[in-house]
Amino acid sequence: MNLPATLAGAISAIVIMAFVTYLSRAGGVFIMSRVPIGPRVERFINAMAGSVLVAVITPMAVHGDWGARLALVATLAVMLILQKPLPAIIAGVLTAALWRLW
């Protein structure tokens, strides 16, 4: 599908993306309303969160610069020590920012 590089094309792309986003979210709610949440489904949902995170982070670790890699190491270290996500995220962002500042 090719959209023209005009205002109408940009608006069309935004509307299509919004519709697809809505369908994916509503579809998830619709499907999960029909699935009984037992221990097995709960384990699956918890595992999905981690696997999505790994899928997002892995390309950054492989193809990113040293600032990204150091940020990942800092995030991992703080998460292992404190076991709280917010300080780990802050440590990663600060590490990347300080690396790129130099």
N, C-alpha and C. Protein backbone atom coordinates (compact mmCIF):
# COMPACT_ATOMS: atom_id res chain seq x y z
N MET A 1 0.84 -1.17 0.00
CA MET A 1 0.00 0.00 0.00
C MET A 1 0.89 1.23 0.00
N ASN A 2 0.72 2.08 -0.96
CA ASN A 2 1.47 3.32 -1.04
C ASN A 2 0.54 4.49 -0.81
N LEU A 3 0.93 5.35 0.10
CA LEU A 3 0.17 6.56 0.37
C LEU A 3 0.95 7.75 -0.17
N PRO A 4 0.26 8.71 -0.77
CA PRO A 4 0.97 9.87 -1.30
C PRO A 4 1.57 10.71 -0.17
N ALA A 5 2.66 11.39 -0.47
CA ALA A 5 3.33 12.23 0.52
C ALA A 5 2.67 13.60 0.56
N THR A 6 1.40 13.59 0.91
CA THR A 6 0.64 14.83 1.02
C THR A 6 -0.01 14.85 2.40
N LEU A 7 -0.70 15.92 2.69
CA LEU A 7 -1.41 16.02 3.97
C LEU A 7 -2.47 14.93 4.07
N ALA A 8 -3.18 14.68 2.99
CA ALA A 8 -4.21 13.63 3.01
C ALA A 8 -3.58 12.25 3.22
N GLY A 9 -2.42 12.02 2.62
CA GLY A 9 -1.73 10.75 2.81
C GLY A 9 -1.27 10.58 4.25
N ALA A 10 -0.76 11.66 4.85
CA ALA A 10 -0.31 11.60 6.25
C ALA A 10 -1.49 11.35 7.18
N ILE A 11 -2.59 12.02 6.95
CA ILE A 11 -3.78 11.82 7.78
C ILE A 11 -4.32 10.41 7.60
N SER A 12 -4.30 9.91 6.37
CA SER A 12 -4.75 8.54 6.12
C SER A 12 -3.89 7.54 6.87
N ALA A 13 -2.57 7.74 6.85
CA ALA A 13 -1.67 6.84 7.56
C ALA A 13 -1.93 6.86 9.06
N ILE A 14 -2.16 8.04 9.61
CA ILE A 14 -2.44 8.16 11.04
C ILE A 14 -3.75 7.47 11.40
N VAL A 15 -4.77 7.64 10.58
CA VAL A 15 -6.07 7.02 10.85
C VAL A 15 -5.95 5.50 10.75
N ILE A 16 -5.24 5.00 9.75
CA ILE A 16 -5.06 3.55 9.59
C ILE A 16 -4.30 2.98 10.78
N MET A 17 -3.21 3.65 11.21
CA MET A 17 -2.43 3.17 12.35
C MET A 17 -3.26 3.19 13.64
N ALA A 18 -4.07 4.23 13.80
CA ALA A 18 -4.93 4.30 14.99
C ALA A 18 -5.95 3.17 14.98
N PHE A 19 -6.51 2.86 13.82
CA PHE A 19 -7.49 1.79 13.71
C PHE A 19 -6.86 0.43 14.00
N VAL A 20 -5.67 0.20 13.47
CA VAL A 20 -4.98 -1.07 13.72
C VAL A 20 -4.62 -1.19 15.19
N THR A 21 -4.17 -0.11 15.80
CA THR A 21 -3.85 -0.12 17.23
C THR A 21 -5.09 -0.43 18.05
N TYR A 22 -6.21 0.22 17.71
CA TYR A 22 -7.46 -0.05 18.42
C TYR A 22 -7.87 -1.51 18.27
N LEU A 23 -7.79 -2.03 17.05
CA LEU A 23 -8.18 -3.42 16.83
C LEU A 23 -7.31 -4.39 17.63
N SER A 24 -6.02 -4.13 17.69
CA SER A 24 -5.15 -5.04 18.43
C SER A 24 -5.43 -4.98 19.92
N ARG A 25 -5.71 -3.81 20.44
CA ARG A 25 -6.02 -3.70 21.87
C ARG A 25 -7.40 -4.28 22.18
N ALA A 26 -8.38 -3.93 21.37
CA ALA A 26 -9.73 -4.45 21.61
C ALA A 26 -9.77 -5.96 21.38
N GLY A 27 -9.02 -6.44 20.40
CA GLY A 27 -8.97 -7.87 20.15
C GLY A 27 -8.37 -8.62 21.33
N GLY A 28 -7.34 -8.05 21.94
CA GLY A 28 -6.75 -8.67 23.11
C GLY A 28 -7.72 -8.75 24.27
N VAL A 29 -8.45 -7.68 24.49
CA VAL A 29 -9.45 -7.67 25.56
C VAL A 29 -10.56 -8.67 25.25
N PHE A 30 -10.99 -8.71 23.99
CA PHE A 30 -12.05 -9.63 23.59
C PHE A 30 -11.62 -11.08 23.79
N ILE A 31 -10.42 -11.40 23.35
CA ILE A 31 -9.94 -12.79 23.48
C ILE A 31 -9.74 -13.15 24.94
N MET A 32 -9.11 -12.27 25.70
CA MET A 32 -8.83 -12.59 27.11
C MET A 32 -10.11 -12.63 27.95
N SER A 33 -11.18 -12.01 27.50
CA SER A 33 -12.43 -12.10 28.26
C SER A 33 -13.05 -13.49 28.13
N ARG A 34 -12.61 -14.26 27.15
CA ARG A 34 -13.13 -15.60 26.95
C ARG A 34 -12.18 -16.70 27.42
N VAL A 35 -11.00 -16.32 27.90
CA VAL A 35 -10.02 -17.30 28.37
C VAL A 35 -10.00 -17.28 29.89
N PRO A 36 -10.25 -18.42 30.51
CA PRO A 36 -10.16 -18.44 31.97
C PRO A 36 -8.70 -18.29 32.42
N ILE A 37 -8.50 -17.38 33.37
CA ILE A 37 -7.14 -17.10 33.84
C ILE A 37 -6.79 -18.09 34.94
N GLY A 38 -6.08 -19.14 34.57
CA GLY A 38 -5.61 -20.13 35.53
C GLY A 38 -4.11 -19.93 35.74
N PRO A 39 -3.50 -20.80 36.50
CA PRO A 39 -2.07 -20.65 36.76
C PRO A 39 -1.22 -20.76 35.48
N ARG A 40 -1.64 -21.61 34.57
CA ARG A 40 -0.89 -21.78 33.33
C ARG A 40 -0.95 -20.53 32.45
N VAL A 41 -2.14 -19.95 32.31
CA VAL A 41 -2.29 -18.72 31.51
C VAL A 41 -1.56 -17.57 32.18
N GLU A 42 -1.62 -17.51 33.49
CA GLU A 42 -0.92 -16.45 34.22
C GLU A 42 0.60 -16.55 34.02
N ARG A 43 1.14 -17.74 34.04
CA ARG A 43 2.58 -17.93 33.78
C ARG A 43 2.92 -17.50 32.36
N PHE A 44 2.04 -17.82 31.41
CA PHE A 44 2.27 -17.42 30.02
C PHE A 44 2.30 -15.90 29.89
N ILE A 45 1.34 -15.23 30.51
CA ILE A 45 1.27 -13.76 30.44
C ILE A 45 2.52 -13.15 31.07
N ASN A 46 2.94 -13.67 32.21
CA ASN A 46 4.14 -13.14 32.86
C ASN A 46 5.39 -13.38 32.01
N ALA A 47 5.46 -14.51 31.34
CA ALA A 47 6.61 -14.79 30.49
C ALA A 47 6.60 -13.90 29.25
N MET A 48 5.44 -13.56 28.76
CA MET A 48 5.36 -12.69 27.58
C MET A 48 5.95 -11.32 27.86
N ALA A 49 5.74 -10.79 29.04
CA ALA A 49 6.29 -9.47 29.37
C ALA A 49 7.81 -9.48 29.27
N GLY A 50 8.43 -10.49 29.81
CA GLY A 50 9.88 -10.58 29.73
C GLY A 50 10.39 -10.81 28.33
N SER A 51 9.69 -11.62 27.56
CA SER A 51 10.14 -11.91 26.21
C SER A 51 10.01 -10.69 25.30
N VAL A 52 8.99 -9.89 25.50
CA VAL A 52 8.85 -8.65 24.72
C VAL A 52 9.99 -7.70 25.07
N LEU A 53 10.30 -7.61 26.35
CA LEU A 53 11.40 -6.74 26.77
C LEU A 53 12.72 -7.19 26.15
N VAL A 54 13.00 -8.47 26.15
CA VAL A 54 14.23 -8.99 25.54
C VAL A 54 14.23 -8.72 24.04
N ALA A 55 13.08 -8.86 23.39
CA ALA A 55 13.00 -8.61 21.95
C ALA A 55 13.26 -7.15 21.62
N VAL A 56 12.92 -6.25 22.51
CA VAL A 56 13.16 -4.82 22.28
C VAL A 56 14.63 -4.47 22.56
N ILE A 57 15.19 -5.07 23.60
CA ILE A 57 16.53 -4.69 24.05
C ILE A 57 17.64 -5.35 23.22
N THR A 58 17.45 -6.56 22.75
CA THR A 58 18.51 -7.30 22.05
C THR A 58 19.07 -6.55 20.84
N PRO A 59 18.25 -6.01 19.94
CA PRO A 59 18.84 -5.27 18.82
C PRO A 59 19.67 -4.07 19.27
N MET A 60 19.24 -3.42 20.35
CA MET A 60 20.00 -2.28 20.85
C MET A 60 21.35 -2.73 21.39
N ALA A 61 21.40 -3.89 22.04
CA ALA A 61 22.66 -4.40 22.56
C ALA A 61 23.59 -4.83 21.43
N VAL A 62 23.03 -5.38 20.37
CA VAL A 62 23.85 -5.89 19.27
C VAL A 62 24.30 -4.77 18.34
N HIS A 63 23.38 -3.88 17.98
CA HIS A 63 23.67 -2.87 16.97
C HIS A 63 23.86 -1.47 17.55
N GLY A 64 23.67 -1.31 18.84
CA GLY A 64 23.79 0.01 19.45
C GLY A 64 25.23 0.43 19.68
N ASP A 65 25.39 1.67 20.09
CA ASP A 65 26.73 2.16 20.40
C ASP A 65 27.09 1.78 21.83
N TRP A 66 28.28 2.21 22.27
CA TRP A 66 28.72 1.85 23.61
C TRP A 66 27.87 2.49 24.68
N GLY A 67 27.28 3.64 24.39
CA GLY A 67 26.38 4.26 25.36
C GLY A 67 25.17 3.38 25.65
N ALA A 68 24.63 2.77 24.60
CA ALA A 68 23.48 1.87 24.77
C ALA A 68 23.88 0.62 25.53
N ARG A 69 25.04 0.08 25.21
CA ARG A 69 25.50 -1.13 25.90
C ARG A 69 25.79 -0.88 27.37
N LEU A 70 26.43 0.24 27.66
CA LEU A 70 26.69 0.57 29.07
C LEU A 70 25.39 0.84 29.82
N ALA A 71 24.43 1.44 29.14
CA ALA A 71 23.13 1.69 29.78
C ALA A 71 22.45 0.36 30.11
N LEU A 72 22.56 -0.61 29.23
CA LEU A 72 21.98 -1.93 29.51
C LEU A 72 22.66 -2.59 30.70
N VAL A 73 23.99 -2.47 30.77
CA VAL A 73 24.72 -3.06 31.90
C VAL A 73 24.34 -2.37 33.20
N ALA A 74 24.25 -1.04 33.17
CA ALA A 74 23.87 -0.30 34.37
C ALA A 74 22.45 -0.66 34.81
N THR A 75 21.56 -0.77 33.85
CA THR A 75 20.18 -1.14 34.17
C THR A 75 20.12 -2.52 34.79
N LEU A 76 20.83 -3.45 34.21
CA LEU A 76 20.86 -4.82 34.73
C LEU A 76 21.44 -4.86 36.14
N ALA A 77 22.54 -4.13 36.35
CA ALA A 77 23.19 -4.15 37.67
C ALA A 77 22.27 -3.58 38.74
N VAL A 78 21.64 -2.44 38.45
CA VAL A 78 20.75 -1.83 39.45
C VAL A 78 19.53 -2.71 39.67
N MET A 79 19.03 -3.32 38.62
CA MET A 79 17.86 -4.19 38.78
C MET A 79 18.19 -5.41 39.63
N LEU A 80 19.37 -5.99 39.42
CA LEU A 80 19.77 -7.15 40.22
C LEU A 80 20.00 -6.78 41.69
N ILE A 81 20.52 -5.59 41.92
CA ILE A 81 20.81 -5.17 43.29
C ILE A 81 19.54 -4.74 44.02
N LEU A 82 18.77 -3.83 43.42
CA LEU A 82 17.60 -3.25 44.09
C LEU A 82 16.30 -4.01 43.81
N GLN A 83 16.24 -4.69 42.68
CA GLN A 83 15.04 -5.39 42.23
C GLN A 83 13.82 -4.47 42.15
N LYS A 84 14.08 -3.26 41.68
CA LYS A 84 13.01 -2.27 41.45
C LYS A 84 13.23 -1.67 40.07
N PRO A 85 12.20 -1.65 39.23
CA PRO A 85 12.41 -1.22 37.84
C PRO A 85 12.69 0.27 37.68
N LEU A 86 12.07 1.14 38.47
CA LEU A 86 12.25 2.58 38.26
C LEU A 86 13.69 3.03 38.49
N PRO A 87 14.35 2.66 39.60
CA PRO A 87 15.76 3.05 39.73
C PRO A 87 16.64 2.45 38.63
N ALA A 88 16.31 1.25 38.18
CA ALA A 88 17.09 0.62 37.11
C ALA A 88 16.95 1.41 35.81
N ILE A 89 15.75 1.84 35.50
CA ILE A 89 15.52 2.63 34.29
C ILE A 89 16.25 3.96 34.39
N ILE A 90 16.17 4.59 35.55
CA ILE A 90 16.86 5.87 35.74
C ILE A 90 18.36 5.70 35.57
N ALA A 91 18.92 4.62 36.12
CA ALA A 91 20.35 4.36 35.99
C ALA A 91 20.73 4.18 34.52
N GLY A 92 19.91 3.45 33.77
CA GLY A 92 20.21 3.25 32.35
C GLY A 92 20.15 4.53 31.55
N VAL A 93 19.14 5.33 31.80
CA VAL A 93 19.00 6.60 31.07
C VAL A 93 20.15 7.54 31.41
N LEU A 94 20.49 7.63 32.70
CA LEU A 94 21.59 8.50 33.11
C LEU A 94 22.92 8.03 32.52
N THR A 95 23.14 6.73 32.50
CA THR A 95 24.38 6.20 31.92
C THR A 95 24.50 6.54 30.45
N ALA A 96 23.43 6.33 29.70
CA ALA A 96 23.46 6.66 28.27
C ALA A 96 23.64 8.16 28.05
N ALA A 97 22.96 8.97 28.86
CA ALA A 97 23.07 10.42 28.71
C ALA A 97 24.49 10.90 29.02
N LEU A 98 25.07 10.38 30.11
CA LEU A 98 26.42 10.79 30.47
C LEU A 98 27.44 10.32 29.43
N TRP A 99 27.27 9.12 28.90
CA TRP A 99 28.19 8.63 27.87
C TRP A 99 28.13 9.52 26.63
N ARG A 100 26.94 9.91 26.25
CA ARG A 100 26.79 10.71 25.03
C ARG A 100 27.15 12.17 25.27
N LEU A 101 27.15 12.59 26.51
CA LEU A 101 27.55 13.96 26.84
C LEU A 101 29.04 14.14 26.60
N TRP A 102 29.84 13.11 26.79
CA TRP A 102 31.29 13.20 26.65
C TRP A 102 31.60 13.08 25.23
